[in-house]
Each structure stands twice: as C-alpha cells, then as structure tokens.
Amino acid sequence: MPDSFWAAAVFALVLRGINRSLGTTALLLLPGTICHELAHWITGWALLADPEDFSVRPHREARAPLGFPRTPAPGGAMGANRWILGSVTFRHITWYNGLFVGLAPLGLIPAAWWCSRQIDWNTAPLLAIPWFYGTAALLGSGIPSSADWQIAFRSWPFWLFLAGWVLLHA
C-alpha cells in the first residue's frame, strides 16, 4: 500500500475524532457522509430493501441508555448529545439483505485505495491535496457506524452459517 494511503488513514481518524459539535466539522465531513449514505442507498436499492429517505442534513440526537427511548437533543437530559451526519431509511430490511446494506460503506475502502494511488506529491503537490482529502474522506466514511452494524446483524442466517463454517474449518 502506498504511504499516502496510510497517511490519509491517520488523517481520516483525526477527522472522525474532531468534536462534532462544530458546524464546520459537518461541512468538512460532508463529501464522506454523502458517499457513506449513497453506498447504503445504492446497495439497498439493488437488494430490494426499498430505500425511502435519504438525508445528509446534520442533526443532533441524544444518546439514551439501552432500553430507554431516545429523546430529542434540545433539552433532552438522557445521555450525551451527538451529531447524526446523515441517514437512509429502508422499508424492507430482511435477513438476506441486511448484512450487505448495513456494511455497504466498506466498499468505499477500495475506492480510497484507488484515490491514494493518484497522489503524487513530487510532480504536482497542489493536485495531490484533493486526492489526499478524497482518500481520507472515503476511508473515514467507509467505517460502518453502530447503527450500520445493527442492520447487518439482522442477517442472522449468514452469521450462523459463518460461525458453522469457522467451526468446521478451524
């Protein structure tokens, strides 16, 4: 892997760690958020999960302890507020498409690798900056969120098959 790929990976971690209470952070992460949500939408459409709502408008959400309903962030006292940068809702997530829809953003990692191959700091340093940012944005947005993993785990037959396969071949 090129060194620029690893440097962009570190930059992506820095972007993910920035305090999301800042509006400028949401703007900085917008290209990656659009790619992340498009990955869900396209995969959901292709696998008949029936995507119905696509949003990349950041909004606050309060985290509630497990088992409690979530409250709106303004004035909500349950848990720390966090920014939701984007979302896609589906009408038909099932055991056969949930895994692929939930983990669709992982498909952005090969695209990030391709972007990193376009970076040439020696001959065109100014042109390398957008490629570097694109690599970092794709890497950062290629990590499934906790909500994405919840959708993926709805595909319990796949996970059962995978566990059986691992046990038989271990």
N, C-alpha and C. Protein backbone atom coordinates (compact mmCIF):
# COMPACT_ATOMS: atom_id res chain seq x y z
N MET A 1 0.84 -1.18 0.00
CA MET A 1 0.00 0.00 0.00
C MET A 1 0.89 1.24 0.00
N PRO A 2 0.49 2.25 -0.74
CA PRO A 2 1.31 3.46 -0.79
C PRO A 2 1.30 4.19 0.56
N ASP A 3 2.39 4.91 0.81
CA ASP A 3 2.49 5.67 2.05
C ASP A 3 1.38 6.69 2.19
N SER A 4 0.94 7.25 1.08
CA SER A 4 -0.13 8.25 1.13
C SER A 4 -1.43 7.65 1.65
N PHE A 5 -1.66 6.36 1.38
CA PHE A 5 -2.86 5.68 1.87
C PHE A 5 -2.85 5.67 3.39
N TRP A 6 -1.69 5.33 3.99
CA TRP A 6 -1.60 5.26 5.45
C TRP A 6 -1.66 6.64 6.07
N ALA A 7 -1.05 7.63 5.42
CA ALA A 7 -1.13 9.00 5.92
C ALA A 7 -2.58 9.49 5.89
N ALA A 8 -3.30 9.15 4.82
CA ALA A 8 -4.71 9.54 4.72
C ALA A 8 -5.54 8.80 5.76
N ALA A 9 -5.17 7.57 6.08
CA ALA A 9 -5.88 6.82 7.11
C ALA A 9 -5.74 7.52 8.46
N VAL A 10 -4.56 8.00 8.77
CA VAL A 10 -4.36 8.74 10.02
C VAL A 10 -5.18 10.02 10.00
N PHE A 11 -5.18 10.73 8.87
CA PHE A 11 -5.97 11.95 8.73
C PHE A 11 -7.46 11.65 8.89
N ALA A 12 -7.92 10.51 8.35
CA ALA A 12 -9.33 10.13 8.49
C ALA A 12 -9.67 9.89 9.96
N LEU A 13 -8.77 9.28 10.71
CA LEU A 13 -9.02 9.08 12.14
C LEU A 13 -9.09 10.42 12.87
N VAL A 14 -8.25 11.35 12.47
CA VAL A 14 -8.29 12.68 13.07
C VAL A 14 -9.64 13.34 12.75
N LEU A 15 -10.10 13.22 11.51
CA LEU A 15 -11.39 13.80 11.14
C LEU A 15 -12.52 13.19 11.95
N ARG A 16 -12.47 11.88 12.16
CA ARG A 16 -13.52 11.21 12.93
C ARG A 16 -13.49 11.62 14.40
N GLY A 17 -12.31 11.98 14.89
CA GLY A 17 -12.17 12.33 16.29
C GLY A 17 -12.46 13.78 16.61
N ILE A 18 -12.62 14.61 15.58
CA ILE A 18 -12.90 16.03 15.81
C ILE A 18 -14.24 16.17 16.51
N ASN A 19 -14.33 17.14 17.38
CA ASN A 19 -15.57 17.42 18.09
C ASN A 19 -16.68 17.71 17.08
N ARG A 20 -17.68 16.87 17.05
CA ARG A 20 -18.75 17.00 16.07
C ARG A 20 -19.78 18.05 16.45
N SER A 21 -19.52 18.80 17.50
CA SER A 21 -20.46 19.85 17.84
C SER A 21 -20.25 21.08 16.97
N LEU A 22 -19.19 21.09 16.21
CA LEU A 22 -18.90 22.22 15.35
C LEU A 22 -19.58 22.05 14.00
N GLY A 23 -20.25 23.08 13.54
CA GLY A 23 -20.90 23.02 12.23
C GLY A 23 -19.90 22.87 11.10
N THR A 24 -18.71 23.45 11.27
CA THR A 24 -17.70 23.34 10.22
C THR A 24 -17.21 21.91 10.07
N THR A 25 -17.23 21.15 11.15
CA THR A 25 -16.83 19.76 11.07
C THR A 25 -17.79 18.98 10.18
N ALA A 26 -19.08 19.23 10.33
CA ALA A 26 -20.08 18.57 9.49
C ALA A 26 -19.84 18.92 8.02
N LEU A 27 -19.48 20.16 7.77
CA LEU A 27 -19.20 20.57 6.40
C LEU A 27 -17.94 19.89 5.87
N LEU A 28 -16.92 19.77 6.71
CA LEU A 28 -15.68 19.11 6.32
C LEU A 28 -15.91 17.63 6.02
N LEU A 29 -16.83 17.01 6.75
CA LEU A 29 -17.11 15.58 6.57
C LEU A 29 -18.20 15.31 5.55
N LEU A 30 -18.79 16.35 4.96
CA LEU A 30 -19.93 16.18 4.05
C LEU A 30 -19.63 15.28 2.84
N PRO A 31 -18.50 15.42 2.14
CA PRO A 31 -18.27 14.51 1.00
C PRO A 31 -18.25 13.04 1.41
N GLY A 32 -17.62 12.74 2.53
CA GLY A 32 -17.60 11.36 3.01
C GLY A 32 -18.97 10.89 3.45
N THR A 33 -19.72 11.79 4.08
CA THR A 33 -21.08 11.43 4.51
C THR A 33 -21.96 11.11 3.31
N ILE A 34 -21.85 11.90 2.26
CA ILE A 34 -22.64 11.65 1.05
C ILE A 34 -22.27 10.28 0.48
N CYS A 35 -20.99 9.98 0.39
CA CYS A 35 -20.55 8.68 -0.14
C CYS A 35 -21.05 7.54 0.74
N HIS A 36 -20.96 7.70 2.06
CA HIS A 36 -21.41 6.66 3.00
C HIS A 36 -22.89 6.37 2.82
N GLU A 37 -23.69 7.42 2.80
CA GLU A 37 -25.14 7.22 2.68
C GLU A 37 -25.53 6.74 1.29
N LEU A 38 -24.83 7.19 0.25
CA LEU A 38 -25.10 6.68 -1.10
C LEU A 38 -24.77 5.19 -1.20
N ALA A 39 -23.72 4.75 -0.51
CA ALA A 39 -23.38 3.32 -0.51
C ALA A 39 -24.55 2.51 0.06
N HIS A 40 -25.13 2.99 1.17
CA HIS A 40 -26.31 2.31 1.73
C HIS A 40 -27.47 2.34 0.75
N TRP A 41 -27.75 3.52 0.19
CA TRP A 41 -28.91 3.68 -0.68
C TRP A 41 -28.81 2.79 -1.92
N ILE A 42 -27.65 2.83 -2.59
CA ILE A 42 -27.47 2.05 -3.82
C ILE A 42 -27.56 0.56 -3.52
N THR A 43 -26.92 0.11 -2.45
CA THR A 43 -26.98 -1.31 -2.09
C THR A 43 -28.40 -1.71 -1.72
N GLY A 44 -29.07 -0.85 -0.96
CA GLY A 44 -30.46 -1.15 -0.59
C GLY A 44 -31.37 -1.21 -1.79
N TRP A 45 -31.17 -0.31 -2.73
CA TRP A 45 -31.98 -0.33 -3.95
C TRP A 45 -31.71 -1.60 -4.74
N ALA A 46 -30.43 -1.97 -4.89
CA ALA A 46 -30.07 -3.15 -5.68
C ALA A 46 -30.58 -4.45 -5.03
N LEU A 47 -30.66 -4.48 -3.70
CA LEU A 47 -31.07 -5.70 -3.00
C LEU A 47 -32.52 -5.64 -2.51
N LEU A 48 -33.29 -4.73 -3.08
CA LEU A 48 -34.73 -4.63 -2.83
C LEU A 48 -35.06 -4.32 -1.37
N ALA A 49 -34.22 -3.54 -0.70
CA ALA A 49 -34.52 -3.12 0.67
C ALA A 49 -35.45 -1.91 0.67
N ASP A 50 -35.74 -1.37 -0.49
CA ASP A 50 -36.68 -0.27 -0.68
C ASP A 50 -36.31 0.98 0.12
N PRO A 51 -35.21 1.64 -0.28
CA PRO A 51 -34.86 2.88 0.42
C PRO A 51 -35.92 3.95 0.21
N GLU A 52 -36.27 4.64 1.30
CA GLU A 52 -37.34 5.63 1.17
C GLU A 52 -36.91 7.04 1.55
N ASP A 53 -35.90 7.20 2.38
CA ASP A 53 -35.50 8.54 2.79
C ASP A 53 -33.98 8.63 2.81
N PHE A 54 -33.46 9.68 2.20
CA PHE A 54 -32.01 9.92 2.13
C PHE A 54 -31.77 11.31 2.67
N SER A 55 -30.91 11.42 3.68
CA SER A 55 -30.63 12.73 4.26
C SER A 55 -29.15 12.86 4.59
N VAL A 56 -28.58 13.98 4.23
CA VAL A 56 -27.22 14.31 4.67
C VAL A 56 -27.24 15.64 5.42
N ARG A 57 -28.37 15.94 6.00
CA ARG A 57 -28.52 17.14 6.82
C ARG A 57 -28.18 16.78 8.26
N PRO A 58 -27.10 17.34 8.78
CA PRO A 58 -26.71 17.00 10.16
C PRO A 58 -27.77 17.44 11.17
N HIS A 59 -27.98 16.60 12.17
CA HIS A 59 -28.88 16.96 13.26
C HIS A 59 -28.39 16.31 14.54
N ARG A 60 -28.81 16.90 15.66
CA ARG A 60 -28.40 16.38 16.96
C ARG A 60 -29.36 15.30 17.42
N GLU A 61 -28.78 14.33 18.12
CA GLU A 61 -29.58 13.27 18.72
C GLU A 61 -29.00 12.97 20.08
N ALA A 62 -29.86 12.76 21.06
CA ALA A 62 -29.39 12.40 22.39
C ALA A 62 -29.25 10.88 22.47
N ARG A 63 -28.16 10.44 23.05
CA ARG A 63 -27.99 9.01 23.28
C ARG A 63 -28.71 8.65 24.57
N ALA A 64 -29.55 7.66 24.48
CA ALA A 64 -30.27 7.19 25.66
C ALA A 64 -29.65 5.88 26.12
N PRO A 65 -29.70 5.60 27.40
CA PRO A 65 -29.22 4.29 27.87
C PRO A 65 -30.03 3.18 27.21
N LEU A 66 -29.44 2.00 27.09
CA LEU A 66 -30.13 0.87 26.46
C LEU A 66 -31.46 0.61 27.15
N GLY A 67 -32.46 0.37 26.36
CA GLY A 67 -33.78 0.08 26.89
C GLY A 67 -34.66 1.30 27.08
N PHE A 68 -34.12 2.50 26.94
CA PHE A 68 -34.89 3.71 27.09
C PHE A 68 -35.10 4.35 25.73
N PRO A 69 -36.24 4.99 25.52
CA PRO A 69 -36.45 5.67 24.24
C PRO A 69 -35.52 6.87 24.11
N ARG A 70 -35.18 7.20 22.88
CA ARG A 70 -34.33 8.36 22.62
C ARG A 70 -35.18 9.62 22.71
N THR A 71 -34.57 10.64 23.27
CA THR A 71 -35.27 11.92 23.38
C THR A 71 -34.64 12.91 22.42
N PRO A 72 -35.39 13.91 21.98
CA PRO A 72 -34.78 14.92 21.12
C PRO A 72 -33.67 15.64 21.87
N ALA A 73 -32.64 16.03 21.15
CA ALA A 73 -31.47 16.63 21.78
C ALA A 73 -31.76 17.96 22.47
N PRO A 74 -32.50 18.89 21.86
CA PRO A 74 -32.69 20.16 22.56
C PRO A 74 -33.44 19.93 23.87
N GLY A 75 -32.76 20.13 24.97
CA GLY A 75 -33.39 19.96 26.27
C GLY A 75 -33.43 18.52 26.75
N GLY A 76 -33.03 17.57 25.92
CA GLY A 76 -33.03 16.17 26.34
C GLY A 76 -31.89 15.91 27.31
N ALA A 77 -32.20 15.37 28.47
CA ALA A 77 -31.18 15.19 29.50
C ALA A 77 -30.61 13.78 29.52
N MET A 78 -31.07 12.89 28.67
CA MET A 78 -30.63 11.50 28.72
C MET A 78 -29.42 11.29 27.83
N GLY A 79 -28.27 11.19 28.39
CA GLY A 79 -27.08 10.86 27.62
C GLY A 79 -26.46 12.05 26.93
N ALA A 80 -25.31 11.81 26.37
CA ALA A 80 -24.57 12.88 25.68
C ALA A 80 -25.15 13.10 24.29
N ASN A 81 -25.22 14.35 23.90
CA ASN A 81 -25.69 14.67 22.56
C ASN A 81 -24.63 14.30 21.55
N ARG A 82 -25.07 13.89 20.37
CA ARG A 82 -24.14 13.58 19.29
C ARG A 82 -24.76 14.05 17.99
N TRP A 83 -23.90 14.24 17.01
CA TRP A 83 -24.35 14.64 15.70
C TRP A 83 -24.61 13.41 14.85
N ILE A 84 -25.74 13.37 14.18
CA ILE A 84 -26.02 12.39 13.15
C ILE A 84 -25.79 13.14 11.84
N LEU A 85 -24.80 12.73 11.07
CA LEU A 85 -24.42 13.48 9.87
C LEU A 85 -25.26 13.12 8.66
N GLY A 86 -25.84 11.93 8.64
CA GLY A 86 -26.66 11.52 7.52
C GLY A 86 -27.39 10.24 7.85
N SER A 87 -28.37 9.93 7.02
CA SER A 87 -29.12 8.68 7.25
C SER A 87 -29.87 8.28 5.98
N VAL A 88 -30.14 7.00 5.91
CA VAL A 88 -31.00 6.44 4.87
C VAL A 88 -31.96 5.51 5.60
N THR A 89 -33.22 5.60 5.30
CA THR A 89 -34.19 4.67 5.89
C THR A 89 -34.69 3.73 4.80
N PHE A 90 -35.03 2.51 5.23
CA PHE A 90 -35.48 1.47 4.32
C PHE A 90 -36.81 0.91 4.80
N ARG A 91 -37.60 0.42 3.87
CA ARG A 91 -38.88 -0.19 4.21
C ARG A 91 -38.78 -1.71 4.32
N HIS A 92 -37.73 -2.29 3.77
CA HIS A 92 -37.73 -3.75 3.66
C HIS A 92 -36.34 -4.35 3.95
N ILE A 93 -35.81 -4.12 5.14
CA ILE A 93 -34.57 -4.78 5.55
C ILE A 93 -34.93 -6.17 6.03
N THR A 94 -34.27 -7.17 5.49
CA THR A 94 -34.57 -8.57 5.83
C THR A 94 -33.29 -9.31 6.18
N TRP A 95 -33.45 -10.60 6.47
CA TRP A 95 -32.29 -11.42 6.82
C TRP A 95 -31.34 -11.59 5.64
N TYR A 96 -31.83 -11.49 4.42
CA TYR A 96 -30.96 -11.72 3.26
C TYR A 96 -30.32 -10.45 2.70
N ASN A 97 -30.81 -9.26 3.07
CA ASN A 97 -30.17 -8.06 2.54
C ASN A 97 -29.57 -7.16 3.61
N GLY A 98 -29.89 -7.41 4.87
CA GLY A 98 -29.42 -6.55 5.96
C GLY A 98 -27.91 -6.49 6.07
N LEU A 99 -27.25 -7.62 5.90
CA LEU A 99 -25.79 -7.65 6.01
C LEU A 99 -25.15 -6.74 4.97
N PHE A 100 -25.58 -6.85 3.74
CA PHE A 100 -24.99 -6.09 2.64
C PHE A 100 -25.35 -4.61 2.71
N VAL A 101 -26.58 -4.31 3.09
CA VAL A 101 -27.00 -2.91 3.22
C VAL A 101 -26.26 -2.25 4.39
N GLY A 102 -26.17 -2.95 5.51
CA GLY A 102 -25.52 -2.39 6.69
C GLY A 102 -24.03 -2.16 6.51
N LEU A 103 -23.36 -3.09 5.82
CA LEU A 103 -21.91 -2.99 5.66
C LEU A 103 -21.50 -2.43 4.30
N ALA A 104 -22.44 -1.84 3.58
CA ALA A 104 -22.14 -1.27 2.26
C ALA A 104 -21.00 -0.24 2.28
N PRO A 105 -20.85 0.58 3.32
CA PRO A 105 -19.75 1.56 3.30
C PRO A 105 -18.36 0.93 3.22
N LEU A 106 -18.21 -0.32 3.58
CA LEU A 106 -16.90 -0.97 3.45
C LEU A 106 -16.43 -0.97 2.01
N GLY A 107 -17.36 -0.87 1.07
CA GLY A 107 -17.00 -0.80 -0.35
C GLY A 107 -16.28 0.49 -0.71
N LEU A 108 -16.29 1.48 0.17
CA LEU A 108 -15.59 2.73 -0.09
C LEU A 108 -14.08 2.60 0.12
N ILE A 109 -13.66 1.58 0.85
CA ILE A 109 -12.23 1.42 1.14
C ILE A 109 -11.43 1.13 -0.12
N PRO A 110 -11.87 0.24 -1.03
CA PRO A 110 -11.12 0.10 -2.29
C PRO A 110 -11.09 1.39 -3.11
N ALA A 111 -12.16 2.18 -3.06
CA ALA A 111 -12.16 3.47 -3.76
C ALA A 111 -11.13 4.41 -3.13
N ALA A 112 -10.98 4.35 -1.81
CA ALA A 112 -9.97 5.17 -1.13
C ALA A 112 -8.57 4.73 -1.55
N TRP A 113 -8.37 3.43 -1.66
CA TRP A 113 -7.06 2.93 -2.10
C TRP A 113 -6.75 3.45 -3.51
N TRP A 114 -7.75 3.42 -4.41
CA TRP A 114 -7.55 3.92 -5.76
C TRP A 114 -7.19 5.41 -5.72
N CYS A 115 -7.91 6.19 -4.91
CA CYS A 115 -7.59 7.62 -4.78
C CYS A 115 -6.16 7.82 -4.29
N SER A 116 -5.73 6.98 -3.36
CA SER A 116 -4.38 7.14 -2.82
C SER A 116 -3.32 6.87 -3.89
N ARG A 117 -3.65 6.06 -4.87
CA ARG A 117 -2.71 5.78 -5.96
C ARG A 117 -2.56 6.98 -6.90
N GLN A 118 -3.49 7.92 -6.83
CA GLN A 118 -3.43 9.10 -7.69
C GLN A 118 -2.59 10.23 -7.08
N ILE A 119 -2.21 10.07 -5.82
CA ILE A 119 -1.47 11.13 -5.12
C ILE A 119 -0.02 11.11 -5.57
N ASP A 120 0.45 12.26 -6.04
CA ASP A 120 1.85 12.39 -6.44
C ASP A 120 2.38 13.71 -5.88
N TRP A 121 3.00 13.62 -4.72
CA TRP A 121 3.49 14.82 -4.04
C TRP A 121 4.69 15.42 -4.76
N ASN A 122 5.39 14.63 -5.56
CA ASN A 122 6.63 15.10 -6.19
C ASN A 122 6.39 15.98 -7.41
N THR A 123 5.51 15.57 -8.30
CA THR A 123 5.35 16.32 -9.54
C THR A 123 4.22 17.35 -9.49
N ALA A 124 3.18 17.07 -8.72
CA ALA A 124 2.04 18.00 -8.67
C ALA A 124 1.50 18.08 -7.25
N PRO A 125 2.22 18.76 -6.35
CA PRO A 125 1.77 18.79 -4.96
C PRO A 125 0.41 19.45 -4.75
N LEU A 126 0.08 20.47 -5.53
CA LEU A 126 -1.23 21.10 -5.36
C LEU A 126 -2.36 20.19 -5.81
N LEU A 127 -2.11 19.39 -6.84
CA LEU A 127 -3.13 18.44 -7.28
C LEU A 127 -3.24 17.24 -6.34
N ALA A 128 -2.21 17.01 -5.55
CA ALA A 128 -2.23 15.89 -4.62
C ALA A 128 -3.16 16.15 -3.44
N ILE A 129 -3.38 17.41 -3.09
CA ILE A 129 -4.18 17.74 -1.91
C ILE A 129 -5.63 17.25 -2.04
N PRO A 130 -6.33 17.49 -3.16
CA PRO A 130 -7.70 16.95 -3.26
C PRO A 130 -7.74 15.43 -3.24
N TRP A 131 -6.75 14.78 -3.86
CA TRP A 131 -6.71 13.31 -3.84
C TRP A 131 -6.49 12.81 -2.41
N PHE A 132 -5.63 13.50 -1.67
CA PHE A 132 -5.35 13.11 -0.28
C PHE A 132 -6.62 13.28 0.56
N TYR A 133 -7.30 14.42 0.40
CA TYR A 133 -8.54 14.66 1.14
C TYR A 133 -9.60 13.62 0.74
N GLY A 134 -9.70 13.33 -0.55
CA GLY A 134 -10.66 12.32 -1.00
C GLY A 134 -10.38 10.96 -0.42
N THR A 135 -9.10 10.60 -0.35
CA THR A 135 -8.72 9.32 0.25
C THR A 135 -9.14 9.29 1.72
N ALA A 136 -8.84 10.35 2.45
CA ALA A 136 -9.19 10.40 3.87
C ALA A 136 -10.71 10.39 4.05
N ALA A 137 -11.43 11.13 3.21
CA ALA A 137 -12.90 11.17 3.33
C ALA A 137 -13.50 9.80 3.07
N LEU A 138 -13.01 9.10 2.06
CA LEU A 138 -13.53 7.76 1.75
C LEU A 138 -13.17 6.76 2.83
N LEU A 139 -11.95 6.85 3.36
CA LEU A 139 -11.56 5.93 4.43
C LEU A 139 -12.39 6.18 5.68
N GLY A 140 -12.55 7.44 6.04
CA GLY A 140 -13.32 7.76 7.24
C GLY A 140 -14.78 7.38 7.12
N SER A 141 -15.34 7.53 5.95
CA SER A 141 -16.75 7.21 5.77
C SER A 141 -16.97 5.74 5.44
N GLY A 142 -15.90 5.01 5.19
CA GLY A 142 -16.02 3.58 4.89
C GLY A 142 -16.14 2.71 6.13
N ILE A 143 -16.11 3.32 7.30
CA ILE A 143 -16.23 2.58 8.55
C ILE A 143 -17.71 2.54 8.93
N PRO A 144 -18.30 1.33 9.04
CA PRO A 144 -19.72 1.26 9.41
C PRO A 144 -19.96 1.81 10.82
N SER A 145 -21.06 2.50 10.98
CA SER A 145 -21.45 3.05 12.28
C SER A 145 -22.10 1.96 13.12
N SER A 146 -22.39 2.28 14.38
CA SER A 146 -23.06 1.29 15.24
C SER A 146 -24.45 0.97 14.70
N ALA A 147 -25.14 1.95 14.13
CA ALA A 147 -26.45 1.68 13.52
C ALA A 147 -26.31 0.77 12.31
N ASP A 148 -25.21 0.92 11.56
CA ASP A 148 -24.96 0.05 10.41
C ASP A 148 -24.76 -1.40 10.86
N TRP A 149 -24.03 -1.58 11.95
CA TRP A 149 -23.81 -2.94 12.47
C TRP A 149 -25.11 -3.56 12.97
N GLN A 150 -26.01 -2.75 13.55
CA GLN A 150 -27.31 -3.27 13.99
C GLN A 150 -28.11 -3.79 12.81
N ILE A 151 -28.04 -3.08 11.69
CA ILE A 151 -28.73 -3.54 10.48
C ILE A 151 -28.08 -4.82 9.97
N ALA A 152 -26.75 -4.87 9.98
CA ALA A 152 -26.03 -6.04 9.47
C ALA A 152 -26.35 -7.29 10.29
N PHE A 153 -26.53 -7.14 11.58
CA PHE A 153 -26.79 -8.30 12.43
C PHE A 153 -28.21 -8.83 12.28
N ARG A 154 -29.05 -8.16 11.51
CA ARG A 154 -30.37 -8.71 11.21
C ARG A 154 -30.26 -9.91 10.27
N SER A 155 -29.12 -10.06 9.64
CA SER A 155 -28.89 -11.20 8.73
C SER A 155 -28.38 -12.39 9.53
N TRP A 156 -29.11 -12.80 10.54
CA TRP A 156 -28.65 -13.86 11.42
C TRP A 156 -28.36 -15.17 10.69
N PRO A 157 -29.06 -15.58 9.63
CA PRO A 157 -28.69 -16.83 8.97
C PRO A 157 -27.27 -16.79 8.41
N PHE A 158 -26.85 -15.64 7.89
CA PHE A 158 -25.49 -15.54 7.37
C PHE A 158 -24.48 -15.70 8.49
N TRP A 159 -24.71 -15.02 9.61
CA TRP A 159 -23.77 -15.12 10.74
C TRP A 159 -23.75 -16.53 11.30
N LEU A 160 -24.90 -17.22 11.31
CA LEU A 160 -24.95 -18.61 11.76
C LEU A 160 -24.16 -19.50 10.82
N PHE A 161 -24.33 -19.30 9.51
CA PHE A 161 -23.56 -20.03 8.51
C PHE A 161 -22.07 -19.78 8.68
N LEU A 162 -21.69 -18.51 8.86
CA LEU A 162 -20.29 -18.16 9.02
C LEU A 162 -19.69 -18.81 10.26
N ALA A 163 -20.43 -18.80 11.38
CA ALA A 163 -19.94 -19.43 12.60
C ALA A 163 -19.77 -20.93 12.40
N GLY A 164 -20.72 -21.58 11.73
CA GLY A 164 -20.60 -23.01 11.44
C GLY A 164 -19.41 -23.30 10.54
N TRP A 165 -19.21 -22.48 9.54
CA TRP A 165 -18.08 -22.68 8.63
C TRP A 165 -16.76 -22.54 9.37
N VAL A 166 -16.67 -21.53 10.24
CA VAL A 166 -15.44 -21.33 11.01
C VAL A 166 -15.18 -22.51 11.93
N LEU A 167 -16.23 -23.01 12.58
CA LEU A 167 -16.07 -24.15 13.49
C LEU A 167 -15.64 -25.41 12.73
N LEU A 168 -16.17 -25.61 11.53
CA LEU A 168 -15.81 -26.80 10.75
C LEU A 168 -14.41 -26.72 10.19
N HIS A 169 -13.92 -25.51 9.91
CA HIS A 169 -12.62 -25.36 9.28
C HIS A 169 -11.54 -24.88 10.24
N ALA A 170 -11.84 -24.83 11.50
CA ALA A 170 -10.83 -24.37 12.48
C ALA A 170 -9.95 -25.52 12.93
